[in-house]
Amino acid sequence: MSISTSLSRRAFMASAGAAGIVAGSGLALPSYSRANQRPVFTHGVQSGDVDTMSGVVWTRADRPSQVSFEVSTTESFAEARQLGSLDALPQSDHAVKRLIADLPSDQDIFFRMTARDLSDINAVSEPIVGRFKTAPMSRRSVRFAWSGDTAGQGWGIDDEGMATYATMARHTPDFFIHSGDTIYADGPMKDEVELKDGSKWVNSVLIDEKRKVAESLGEFRAQWKYNMMDEHVRAMNGICPTFFQWDDHEVVNNWSDAKDLISDDRYTEKSVHVLRARAARAFHEMTPIRYTPAEPGRVYRKISYGPMLDVFFLDLRSYRGPNGASMEDEMTPESRILGAEQVAWLKRELASSRATWKVIASDMPIGLIVWDNWREQAGAEAIANGDHGPAKGRELEIADLLRFIKTAGVTNTVWFTADVHYTAAHYYDPSNAQFQDFNPFWEFVSGPLHAGTFGPNALDKTFGPEVKFVKAPEEGQGVNLPPSMGLQFFGLVDIDGATQQMTVRLMDRADKELWKTTLDPVRSA
């Protein structure tokens, strides 16, 4: 592959617009198809799980098609490398994704797909284009964004759309971590919602599959396709890789093996295991997440993004014991939230990491109390059990992990999460904790991207968290505030290539910087 001078994202967006592609996205418009006999790409492109030499790309056709792939280091696709074609078939809802390997590091990569109708191979689509940048092999400044919670609590695509995505895209992050609740399969929408001030929220884009809870595989797939109907989501997908993890709403609220749907009249399928299986298939079909041969369908993984950054993605949902009081005195399969195998993997990968910063991307916070039954404030849905005492239940697994990080000499771990629908910065200090065998660390919370705003939640004192900043609904504003009220949040992280300092900023949908801190790395001995 030829290597050229990197084209800036802004320049690429401008050239894409000149070429008749959706402004700022690199996405071919469906209207380009001059006759319905030609295949059409229906939901843009995605890229994800990008490292120094590879990345995953995704698209979807409107019919059974043979999809060809080209990759280049120039937006003109001069000397493009042709890859083998893939078949977009009904079995995967006509979605295709692949790993593009053997790429140069720290390089803008352009990828282009074209679809041929399998029933009429001479019927060819207009091409669709996307881009990402590979991670560096040497130290250079890196920026990423993170947040969670998309299209929840009945707030869908209105006339303004999912504007937080557009705000994030303007910061041109190297990648975006979606911290979970990537869809709301359990959150039906209505055409209109009456607001407290007498006005209405109008879901101007709505499909039938969003009017009910998802139960069939097709309905779970449709949740993903709905989000990609938003122009801001598609635009960001075209220029910025997304690293996905999941939480509960990809399946059903607060799911664990103990989830009982018998009394939930919205569901005709009462088995949470059946719903989980269908949801997991849709998740992997519709996202550019890497495939793990050792455990197909696995979500937890590590992405190395150059010498200054390793990102460890956790899965606190798939291996947990049943939700309950979480007051066990000993670690058992029932008291776990990560599971023994995931913990062993995480310890091994953290100990072997040589990156300056070890980012732990968690789909749930450590110290915030999240009740399984929030009306009665009963049952642990997350890690904290709310008793403020020595580690018990799910806290035991986290205590064991934090102790390992200290004794193994793992430095510069920072936790990033979402889930609770507001933004906050927490500092965990063993001198203020009930369990004290760990080194101090930070946890940053941000969200929602486009969902109801809630909070703030109370903090469990087991690990000594202190609130350094919080932005949530004020007293009297209520809960489940619509995106139009502006309390939609994301975070930006900059790692300086010269100093290796990490600067974390908490931002809102209007692009206002709410709070900032800069962390100095601990130098290894």
Protein backbone atom coordinates (compact mmCIF):
# COMPACT_ATOMS: atom_id res chain seq x y z
CA MET A 1 0.00 0.00 0.00
CA SER A 2 1.29 3.44 -0.83
CA ILE A 3 1.70 5.90 2.02
CA SER A 4 0.87 9.53 1.40
CA THR A 5 0.61 12.72 3.42
CA SER A 6 -2.37 12.41 5.75
CA LEU A 7 -5.46 14.26 4.62
CA SER A 8 -7.17 16.11 7.46
CA ARG A 9 -10.66 15.00 8.44
CA ARG A 10 -11.98 18.45 7.63
CA ALA A 11 -10.46 18.27 4.15
CA PHE A 12 -11.89 14.80 3.63
CA MET A 13 -15.34 15.97 4.73
CA ALA A 14 -15.13 18.87 2.29
CA SER A 15 -14.06 16.64 -0.59
CA ALA A 16 -16.77 14.15 0.27
CA GLY A 17 -19.36 16.91 0.09
CA ALA A 18 -18.00 18.03 -3.27
CA ALA A 19 -18.35 14.49 -4.53
CA GLY A 20 -22.02 14.42 -3.61
CA ILE A 21 -21.62 12.45 -0.40
CA VAL A 22 -23.49 13.27 2.80
CA ALA A 23 -21.76 16.33 4.23
CA GLY A 24 -19.31 15.43 6.95
CA SER A 25 -19.91 11.71 6.74
CA GLY A 26 -18.38 10.19 3.65
CA LEU A 27 -21.69 8.37 3.14
CA ALA A 28 -23.23 7.82 -0.25
CA LEU A 29 -26.83 8.97 -0.37
CA PRO A 30 -29.42 6.27 -1.17
CA SER A 31 -30.93 8.70 -3.71
CA TYR A 32 -27.87 8.08 -5.86
CA SER A 33 -29.46 4.86 -7.04
CA ARG A 34 -31.16 5.95 -10.25
CA ALA A 35 -33.31 2.86 -10.47
CA ASN A 36 -34.62 0.51 -7.85
CA GLN A 37 -32.97 -2.36 -9.73
CA ARG A 38 -29.63 -1.22 -8.31
CA PRO A 39 -28.55 -2.20 -4.80
CA VAL A 40 -28.46 0.53 -2.17
CA PHE A 41 -26.44 0.84 1.03
CA THR A 42 -29.10 1.51 3.63
CA HIS A 43 -27.42 2.67 6.85
CA GLY A 44 -24.07 4.17 5.96
CA VAL A 45 -20.77 2.75 7.14
CA GLN A 46 -19.12 2.04 10.47
CA SER A 47 -15.58 1.33 11.60
CA GLY A 48 -14.32 0.13 14.94
CA ASP A 49 -11.73 -1.66 17.08
CA VAL A 50 -8.90 0.14 15.28
CA ASP A 51 -5.30 -0.47 16.37
CA THR A 52 -1.88 0.22 14.83
CA MET A 53 -2.29 -2.09 11.85
CA SER A 54 -5.97 -2.96 11.42
CA GLY A 55 -9.61 -2.00 11.87
CA VAL A 56 -13.09 -3.44 11.38
CA VAL A 57 -15.48 -1.93 8.81
CA TRP A 58 -19.23 -2.49 8.39
CA THR A 59 -22.06 -1.71 6.01
CA ARG A 60 -25.48 -3.03 5.03
CA ALA A 61 -27.17 -3.51 1.64
CA ASP A 62 -30.87 -3.53 0.84
CA ARG A 63 -30.83 -6.99 -0.78
CA PRO A 64 -28.65 -10.09 -1.25
CA SER A 65 -25.48 -8.64 -2.71
CA GLN A 66 -21.82 -9.27 -3.39
CA VAL A 67 -19.98 -6.45 -1.62
CA SER A 68 -16.51 -5.55 -2.86
CA PHE A 69 -13.97 -3.66 -0.73
CA GLU A 70 -11.17 -1.27 -1.56
CA VAL A 71 -8.76 0.37 0.87
CA SER A 72 -6.36 3.25 0.30
CA THR A 73 -4.24 5.82 2.10
CA THR A 74 -5.55 8.57 -0.21
CA GLU A 75 -9.10 9.80 -0.65
CA SER A 76 -8.65 9.57 -4.42
CA PHE A 77 -8.15 5.80 -4.01
CA ALA A 78 -5.04 5.95 -6.15
CA GLU A 79 -3.27 2.59 -5.97
CA ALA A 80 -6.11 1.20 -3.87
CA ARG A 81 -5.81 -2.32 -2.54
CA GLN A 82 -8.63 -4.61 -3.65
CA LEU A 83 -9.91 -7.02 -1.00
CA GLY A 84 -11.96 -10.14 -1.45
CA SER A 85 -15.70 -9.61 -1.68
CA LEU A 86 -18.23 -10.66 0.95
CA ASP A 87 -21.83 -11.75 0.47
CA ALA A 88 -24.54 -9.73 2.18
CA LEU A 89 -27.24 -12.34 2.80
CA PRO A 90 -30.60 -12.48 4.58
CA GLN A 91 -29.04 -14.61 7.32
CA SER A 92 -27.18 -11.50 8.54
CA ASP A 93 -29.91 -9.05 7.49
CA HIS A 94 -27.69 -8.10 4.53
CA ALA A 95 -25.06 -6.66 6.90
CA VAL A 96 -21.36 -7.35 6.29
CA LYS A 97 -18.25 -6.54 8.27
CA ARG A 98 -14.61 -7.43 7.96
CA LEU A 99 -11.21 -6.86 9.52
CA ILE A 100 -8.89 -4.84 7.28
CA ALA A 101 -5.34 -5.81 8.23
CA ASP A 102 -1.77 -5.02 7.19
CA LEU A 103 -2.29 -1.27 7.37
CA PRO A 104 0.39 1.35 8.02
CA SER A 105 0.33 2.88 11.49
CA ASP A 106 -0.70 6.46 12.24
CA GLN A 107 -2.27 6.79 8.81
CA ASP A 108 -5.59 7.99 7.43
CA ILE A 109 -7.30 4.98 5.88
CA PHE A 110 -10.10 5.29 3.34
CA PHE A 111 -12.34 2.34 2.57
CA ARG A 112 -14.88 2.00 -0.21
CA MET A 113 -17.58 -0.61 -0.80
CA THR A 114 -19.68 -1.42 -3.87
CA ALA A 115 -22.59 -3.87 -3.98
CA ARG A 116 -23.65 -6.12 -6.89
CA ASP A 117 -27.11 -7.68 -6.87
CA LEU A 118 -26.65 -11.45 -6.54
CA SER A 119 -29.72 -11.97 -8.70
CA ASP A 120 -28.40 -9.59 -11.39
CA ILE A 121 -24.65 -9.20 -11.05
CA ASN A 122 -24.67 -6.36 -13.58
CA ALA A 123 -26.82 -4.22 -11.25
CA VAL A 124 -24.21 -2.27 -9.31
CA SER A 125 -24.67 0.23 -6.49
CA GLU A 126 -23.03 3.59 -6.15
CA PRO A 127 -19.93 3.22 -3.95
CA ILE A 128 -19.99 4.18 -0.29
CA VAL A 129 -16.92 5.56 1.47
CA GLY A 130 -15.66 5.85 5.05
CA ARG A 131 -12.43 6.62 6.84
CA PHE A 132 -10.51 6.04 10.06
CA LYS A 133 -6.98 6.62 11.30
CA THR A 134 -4.78 3.82 12.58
CA ALA A 135 -3.10 4.10 15.96
CA PRO A 136 0.48 5.33 16.18
CA MET A 137 3.53 3.18 16.86
CA SER A 138 5.36 6.15 18.39
CA ARG A 139 4.18 8.80 20.83
CA ARG A 140 1.77 11.33 19.38
CA SER A 141 -1.17 13.10 20.94
CA VAL A 142 -4.36 11.01 21.07
CA ARG A 143 -7.94 12.12 21.60
CA PHE A 144 -10.97 9.98 22.28
CA ALA A 145 -14.56 10.58 23.34
CA TRP A 146 -16.84 8.43 25.46
CA SER A 147 -20.50 8.35 26.49
CA GLY A 148 -23.48 5.99 26.55
CA ASP A 149 -27.28 5.69 26.38
CA THR A 150 -28.72 6.18 22.87
CA ALA A 151 -32.44 6.50 22.05
CA GLY A 152 -33.75 5.68 25.50
CA GLN A 153 -36.87 6.43 27.56
CA GLY A 154 -38.99 7.19 24.50
CA TRP A 155 -36.81 10.02 23.16
CA GLY A 156 -36.18 9.15 19.52
CA ILE A 157 -35.17 11.06 16.42
CA ASP A 158 -36.83 14.47 16.43
CA ASP A 159 -36.35 17.25 13.87
CA GLU A 160 -33.03 18.21 15.45
CA GLY A 161 -31.81 14.63 15.58
CA MET A 162 -29.24 13.11 17.92
CA ALA A 163 -27.27 16.33 18.13
CA THR A 164 -24.73 15.17 20.71
CA TYR A 165 -23.16 13.00 18.01
CA ALA A 166 -22.62 16.07 15.84
CA THR A 167 -21.05 17.91 18.78
CA MET A 168 -18.64 15.05 19.44
CA ALA A 169 -17.74 14.76 15.76
CA ARG A 170 -16.64 18.40 15.66
CA HIS A 171 -13.84 17.50 18.08
CA THR A 172 -12.50 14.92 15.57
CA PRO A 173 -11.65 12.21 18.11
CA ASP A 174 -9.41 9.35 17.05
CA PHE A 175 -12.13 7.03 18.31
CA PHE A 176 -15.32 6.99 20.37
CA ILE A 177 -16.09 4.56 23.21
CA HIS A 178 -19.79 3.75 23.43
CA SER A 179 -20.04 2.62 27.04
CA GLY A 180 -23.27 0.65 26.70
CA ASP A 181 -27.03 0.99 26.39
CA THR A 182 -26.22 1.39 22.73
CA ILE A 183 -29.88 0.72 21.93
CA TYR A 184 -33.06 0.51 24.01
CA ALA A 185 -34.62 -2.76 22.94
CA ASP A 186 -37.00 -2.54 25.91
CA GLY A 187 -38.08 1.08 25.38
CA PRO A 188 -41.06 1.52 23.05
CA MET A 189 -41.61 4.95 21.53
CA LYS A 190 -44.67 7.00 20.68
CA ASP A 191 -45.12 9.52 17.90
CA GLU A 192 -45.48 12.34 20.41
CA VAL A 193 -44.72 12.92 24.09
CA GLU A 194 -46.39 15.65 26.15
CA LEU A 195 -43.82 17.76 28.02
CA LYS A 196 -44.25 19.52 31.35
CA ASP A 197 -44.34 22.97 29.77
CA GLY A 198 -47.25 22.03 27.54
CA SER A 199 -45.15 21.56 24.40
CA LYS A 200 -44.60 18.26 22.64
CA TRP A 201 -41.63 16.13 21.79
CA VAL A 202 -42.20 14.71 18.31
CA ASN A 203 -40.41 11.58 17.18
CA SER A 204 -40.36 12.66 13.55
CA VAL A 205 -38.60 9.44 12.51
CA LEU A 206 -40.20 6.28 13.85
CA ILE A 207 -40.48 2.70 12.64
CA ASP A 208 -42.94 0.04 13.71
CA GLU A 209 -40.29 -2.03 15.46
CA LYS A 210 -39.69 0.88 17.86
CA ARG A 211 -43.35 0.98 18.92
CA LYS A 212 -42.96 -2.21 20.98
CA VAL A 213 -40.31 -4.07 22.94
CA ALA A 214 -37.90 -6.14 20.86
CA GLU A 215 -38.48 -9.89 21.00
CA SER A 216 -37.65 -11.39 17.61
CA LEU A 217 -34.22 -11.27 16.00
CA GLY A 218 -35.60 -8.92 13.36
CA GLU A 219 -36.89 -6.54 16.03
CA PHE A 220 -33.51 -6.46 17.79
CA ARG A 221 -31.79 -5.73 14.48
CA ALA A 222 -34.26 -2.93 13.84
CA GLN A 223 -33.22 -1.16 17.04
CA TRP A 224 -29.74 -0.73 15.55
CA LYS A 225 -31.03 0.29 12.16
CA TYR A 226 -33.24 2.92 13.77
CA ASN A 227 -30.28 4.64 15.46
CA MET A 228 -28.43 4.72 12.13
CA MET A 229 -31.37 6.49 10.52
CA ASP A 230 -30.16 9.60 12.34
CA GLU A 231 -28.02 11.82 10.13
CA HIS A 232 -25.67 12.81 12.96
CA VAL A 233 -25.02 9.19 13.91
CA ARG A 234 -24.28 8.25 10.28
CA ALA A 235 -22.05 11.29 9.80
CA MET A 236 -19.92 10.47 12.83
CA ASN A 237 -19.79 6.79 11.88
CA GLY A 238 -18.32 7.77 8.53
CA ILE A 239 -15.27 9.50 9.98
CA CYS A 240 -14.75 8.15 13.52
CA PRO A 241 -14.35 4.55 14.71
CA THR A 242 -16.67 3.43 17.51
CA PHE A 243 -15.53 0.91 20.11
CA PHE A 244 -18.71 -0.72 21.42
CA GLN A 245 -19.60 -2.43 24.67
CA TRP A 246 -23.02 -3.39 25.94
CA ASP A 247 -25.07 -3.24 29.13
CA ASP A 248 -28.69 -4.16 29.88
CA HIS A 249 -30.95 -2.27 27.47
CA GLU A 250 -29.53 -4.14 24.49
CA VAL A 251 -31.63 -7.00 25.89
CA VAL A 252 -34.05 -5.92 28.62
CA ASN A 253 -33.81 -3.63 31.65
CA ASN A 254 -31.55 -4.93 34.46
CA TRP A 255 -31.23 -8.38 32.95
CA SER A 256 -29.45 -11.22 34.64
CA ASP A 257 -30.19 -14.95 34.74
CA ALA A 258 -32.76 -14.21 37.43
CA LYS A 259 -34.79 -11.76 35.29
CA ASP A 260 -38.48 -12.70 35.51
CA LEU A 261 -40.74 -11.49 32.68
CA ILE A 262 -43.83 -13.47 33.65
CA SER A 263 -45.74 -10.41 34.86
CA ASP A 264 -44.49 -8.08 32.10
CA ASP A 265 -47.40 -8.03 29.65
CA ARG A 266 -45.29 -6.32 27.00
CA TYR A 267 -43.45 -9.58 26.36
CA THR A 268 -44.89 -12.70 24.76
CA GLU A 269 -41.41 -14.25 24.89
CA LYS A 270 -40.83 -14.81 28.59
CA SER A 271 -37.36 -16.37 28.49
CA VAL A 272 -34.61 -13.84 29.15
CA HIS A 273 -32.17 -16.41 27.76
CA VAL A 274 -33.92 -16.43 24.38
CA LEU A 275 -33.99 -12.63 24.34
CA ARG A 276 -30.31 -12.45 25.28
CA ALA A 277 -29.33 -14.84 22.49
CA ARG A 278 -31.20 -12.86 19.86
CA ALA A 279 -29.94 -9.55 21.20
CA ALA A 280 -26.33 -10.74 21.24
CA ARG A 281 -26.54 -11.90 17.63
CA ALA A 282 -27.96 -8.55 16.56
CA PHE A 283 -25.28 -6.69 18.56
CA HIS A 284 -22.47 -8.49 16.76
CA GLU A 285 -24.12 -8.30 13.36
CA MET A 286 -24.78 -4.58 13.57
CA THR A 287 -21.55 -3.27 15.13
CA PRO A 288 -17.89 -3.24 14.00
CA ILE A 289 -16.72 -5.23 17.01
CA ARG A 290 -13.91 -7.75 16.53
CA TYR A 291 -14.61 -11.45 16.41
CA THR A 292 -12.98 -13.57 19.12
CA PRO A 293 -12.50 -17.17 17.87
CA ALA A 294 -11.92 -18.47 21.41
CA GLU A 295 -15.37 -17.25 22.46
CA PRO A 296 -17.56 -16.11 19.56
CA GLY A 297 -19.84 -13.38 20.84
CA ARG A 298 -17.42 -12.12 23.48
CA VAL A 299 -17.59 -8.41 24.28
CA TYR A 300 -14.67 -7.94 26.71
CA ARG A 301 -11.36 -7.30 24.94
CA LYS A 302 -8.28 -5.08 24.81
CA ILE A 303 -7.50 -2.52 22.10
CA SER A 304 -3.93 -1.23 22.05
CA TYR A 305 -3.87 2.30 20.70
CA GLY A 306 -0.18 3.06 20.54
CA PRO A 307 2.53 3.23 23.22
CA MET A 308 0.58 5.57 25.51
CA LEU A 309 -2.81 3.87 25.63
CA ASP A 310 -4.36 0.45 26.15
CA VAL A 311 -8.16 0.26 26.46
CA PHE A 312 -9.68 -2.67 28.39
CA PHE A 313 -13.37 -3.18 27.63
CA LEU A 314 -15.30 -4.94 30.39
CA ASP A 315 -18.56 -6.86 30.25
CA LEU A 316 -20.40 -6.61 33.58
CA ARG A 317 -23.56 -8.15 32.16
CA SER A 318 -22.91 -11.54 30.54
CA TYR A 319 -21.20 -13.39 33.41
CA ARG A 320 -22.88 -11.94 36.50
CA GLY A 321 -24.78 -13.86 39.08
CA PRO A 322 -28.45 -13.06 39.63
CA ASN A 323 -29.36 -9.58 40.83
CA GLY A 324 -30.07 -9.59 44.54
CA ALA A 325 -28.97 -8.10 47.83
CA SER A 326 -25.29 -8.73 46.97
CA MET A 327 -24.28 -9.25 50.59
CA GLU A 328 -22.25 -12.46 50.31
CA ASP A 329 -19.15 -12.64 52.53
CA GLU A 330 -17.28 -14.92 50.12
CA MET A 331 -16.77 -14.79 46.38
CA THR A 332 -19.03 -17.30 44.65
CA PRO A 333 -20.42 -17.58 41.12
CA GLU A 334 -23.59 -15.91 42.44
CA SER A 335 -21.69 -12.95 43.88
CA ARG A 336 -19.58 -12.28 40.78
CA ILE A 337 -20.27 -9.58 38.20
CA LEU A 338 -17.27 -10.04 35.88
CA GLY A 339 -16.83 -13.78 36.21
CA ALA A 340 -13.65 -15.66 37.05
CA GLU A 341 -12.42 -16.03 33.48
CA GLN A 342 -12.84 -12.34 32.63
CA VAL A 343 -11.08 -11.31 35.86
CA ALA A 344 -8.15 -13.62 35.09
CA TRP A 345 -7.95 -12.18 31.58
CA LEU A 346 -8.04 -8.61 32.89
CA LYS A 347 -5.33 -9.21 35.48
CA ARG A 348 -3.11 -10.88 32.90
CA GLU A 349 -3.56 -8.10 30.34
CA LEU A 350 -3.10 -5.29 32.85
CA ALA A 351 0.09 -6.86 34.21
CA SER A 352 1.56 -7.26 30.72
CA SER A 353 0.56 -3.81 29.46
CA ARG A 354 3.43 -1.45 28.73
CA ALA A 355 1.19 1.47 27.77
CA THR A 356 1.46 4.67 29.79
CA TRP A 357 -2.29 4.77 30.48
CA LYS A 358 -4.53 1.79 31.10
CA VAL A 359 -8.11 2.87 30.44
CA ILE A 360 -10.72 0.53 31.92
CA ALA A 361 -13.94 1.02 29.98
CA SER A 362 -16.72 -0.28 32.21
CA ASP A 363 -20.39 -0.46 31.28
CA MET A 364 -21.35 0.29 34.90
CA PRO A 365 -19.85 2.51 37.64
CA ILE A 366 -18.09 1.16 40.72
CA GLY A 367 -19.38 3.21 43.63
CA LEU A 368 -22.69 4.61 42.42
CA ILE A 369 -25.66 2.79 43.88
CA VAL A 370 -27.94 1.48 41.14
CA TRP A 371 -30.95 -0.34 42.51
CA ASP A 372 -32.53 -3.27 40.73
CA ASN A 373 -35.85 -2.04 42.08
CA TRP A 374 -35.38 1.72 42.35
CA ARG A 375 -38.90 2.35 43.67
CA GLU A 376 -38.19 0.21 46.74
CA GLN A 377 -34.42 0.89 46.67
CA ALA A 378 -33.73 -2.82 46.85
CA GLY A 379 -31.36 -5.22 45.12
CA ALA A 380 -28.00 -4.42 43.57
CA GLU A 381 -28.12 -3.86 39.83
CA ALA A 382 -24.51 -2.65 39.57
CA ILE A 383 -21.48 -3.26 41.84
CA ALA A 384 -22.32 -1.25 44.97
CA ASN A 385 -24.74 -2.84 47.44
CA GLY A 386 -25.50 0.36 49.36
CA ASP A 387 -24.38 -0.75 52.83
CA HIS A 388 -21.22 1.45 52.93
CA GLY A 389 -19.32 -1.27 54.80
CA PRO A 390 -16.58 -3.80 54.05
CA ALA A 391 -16.64 -5.33 50.58
CA LYS A 392 -19.43 -7.84 50.13
CA GLY A 393 -21.23 -9.45 47.22
CA ARG A 394 -20.12 -8.05 43.86
CA GLU A 395 -17.80 -5.64 45.65
CA LEU A 396 -15.58 -8.62 46.54
CA GLU A 397 -14.57 -9.13 42.93
CA ILE A 398 -13.73 -5.45 42.50
CA ALA A 399 -11.79 -5.42 45.78
CA ASP A 400 -9.76 -8.39 44.57
CA LEU A 401 -9.05 -6.61 41.26
CA LEU A 402 -8.04 -3.33 42.93
CA ARG A 403 -5.73 -5.20 45.31
CA PHE A 404 -4.12 -6.97 42.37
CA ILE A 405 -3.55 -3.69 40.52
CA LYS A 406 -1.71 -2.37 43.58
CA THR A 407 0.39 -5.44 44.37
CA ALA A 408 1.29 -6.09 40.72
CA GLY A 409 2.54 -2.53 40.36
CA VAL A 410 0.09 -1.64 37.58
CA THR A 411 0.11 2.15 37.25
CA ASN A 412 -2.05 4.81 35.63
CA THR A 413 -5.39 3.01 35.57
CA VAL A 414 -8.39 5.25 34.89
CA TRP A 415 -12.01 4.10 34.74
CA PHE A 416 -14.56 5.45 32.24
CA THR A 417 -18.26 4.60 32.33
CA ALA A 418 -21.82 5.79 31.65
CA ASP A 419 -25.14 4.06 32.55
CA VAL A 420 -26.60 6.53 35.09
CA HIS A 421 -27.65 9.30 32.67
CA TYR A 422 -25.67 12.20 34.07
CA THR A 423 -22.02 13.23 34.20
CA ALA A 424 -19.62 13.15 37.15
CA ALA A 425 -16.01 12.80 38.26
CA HIS A 426 -15.19 10.51 41.20
CA TYR A 427 -11.89 10.12 43.04
CA TYR A 428 -11.44 6.85 44.96
CA ASP A 429 -9.21 7.28 48.00
CA PRO A 430 -8.30 4.32 50.23
CA SER A 431 -7.86 6.61 53.23
CA ASN A 432 -11.63 7.27 53.11
CA ALA A 433 -12.63 3.69 52.31
CA GLN A 434 -13.80 0.63 54.22
CA PHE A 435 -11.69 -1.54 51.92
CA GLN A 436 -8.28 0.14 51.76
CA ASP A 437 -5.87 -2.21 49.98
CA PHE A 438 -5.68 -0.29 46.71
CA ASN A 439 -4.05 2.74 45.13
CA PRO A 440 -6.13 5.90 44.52
CA PHE A 441 -7.75 6.18 41.10
CA TRP A 442 -10.26 8.23 39.10
CA GLU A 443 -13.60 7.21 37.62
CA PHE A 444 -15.31 9.46 35.06
CA VAL A 445 -19.00 9.14 34.19
CA SER A 446 -20.75 10.62 31.17
CA GLY A 447 -24.06 10.23 29.37
CA PRO A 448 -26.69 10.19 28.11
CA LEU A 449 -25.99 10.70 24.43
CA HIS A 450 -29.66 10.88 23.47
CA ALA A 451 -31.94 9.63 26.22
CA GLY A 452 -33.65 10.74 29.40
CA THR A 453 -31.55 12.52 32.04
CA PHE A 454 -31.68 11.25 35.63
CA GLY A 455 -29.68 11.41 38.86
CA PRO A 456 -27.60 12.05 40.73
CA ASN A 457 -27.24 8.70 42.45
CA ALA A 458 -25.90 8.15 45.95
CA LEU A 459 -22.37 6.81 46.40
CA ASP A 460 -21.49 3.71 48.40
CA LYS A 461 -18.49 4.41 50.66
CA THR A 462 -16.90 0.94 50.49
CA PHE A 463 -14.12 2.12 48.15
CA GLY A 464 -13.98 5.69 49.43
CA PRO A 465 -15.30 7.64 46.42
CA GLU A 466 -15.47 11.43 46.53
CA VAL A 467 -17.53 13.49 44.11
CA LYS A 468 -15.27 16.06 42.46
CA PHE A 469 -17.91 17.22 39.99
CA VAL A 470 -21.48 16.36 39.07
CA LYS A 471 -24.01 17.71 36.57
CA ALA A 472 -27.49 16.24 36.76
CA PRO A 473 -31.09 17.48 36.95
CA GLU A 474 -31.55 20.07 39.65
CA GLU A 475 -34.09 19.65 42.42
CA GLY A 476 -37.51 20.41 41.01
CA GLN A 477 -36.62 19.55 37.43
CA GLY A 478 -37.74 15.96 37.84
CA VAL A 479 -36.35 12.91 36.04
CA ASN A 480 -36.34 11.55 32.51
CA LEU A 481 -35.68 14.99 31.08
CA PRO A 482 -35.83 15.08 27.26
CA PRO A 483 -32.73 15.78 25.16
CA SER A 484 -34.21 19.15 24.23
CA MET A 485 -33.45 20.37 27.77
CA GLY A 486 -29.76 20.11 26.95
CA LEU A 487 -28.64 17.79 29.76
CA GLN A 488 -26.95 15.37 27.39
CA PHE A 489 -23.31 14.66 28.11
CA PHE A 490 -20.11 13.18 26.74
CA GLY A 491 -16.47 13.26 27.73
CA LEU A 492 -13.26 14.09 25.87
CA VAL A 493 -9.85 12.67 26.75
CA ASP A 494 -6.58 14.07 25.42
CA ILE A 495 -3.24 12.35 25.98
CA ASP A 496 -0.37 14.69 25.18
CA GLY A 497 2.35 13.12 23.06
CA ALA A 498 5.10 15.20 24.66
CA THR A 499 4.20 15.16 28.38
CA GLN A 500 1.99 12.01 28.36
CA GLN A 501 -0.45 13.89 30.60
CA MET A 502 -4.11 12.91 30.36
CA THR A 503 -6.67 15.73 30.28
CA VAL A 504 -10.30 14.76 30.84
CA ARG A 505 -13.11 17.17 29.96
CA LEU A 506 -16.80 16.71 30.72
CA MET A 507 -18.92 18.29 28.00
CA ASP A 508 -22.58 18.89 27.21
CA ARG A 509 -24.54 18.69 23.99
CA ALA A 510 -24.10 22.44 23.36
CA ASP A 511 -20.32 21.86 23.46
CA LYS A 512 -19.90 23.65 26.77
CA GLU A 513 -16.95 22.50 28.84
CA LEU A 514 -18.40 21.75 32.28
CA TRP A 515 -15.29 20.57 34.13
CA LYS A 516 -11.69 19.60 33.39
CA THR A 517 -8.75 17.96 35.09
CA THR A 518 -5.26 16.98 33.98
CA LEU A 519 -3.63 13.82 35.33
CA ASP A 520 0.12 13.33 35.49
CA PRO A 521 1.32 9.81 34.71
CA VAL A 522 3.15 7.85 37.37
CA ARG A 523 6.52 6.94 35.93
CA SER A 524 7.41 3.27 36.09
CA ALA A 525 10.46 2.37 38.12
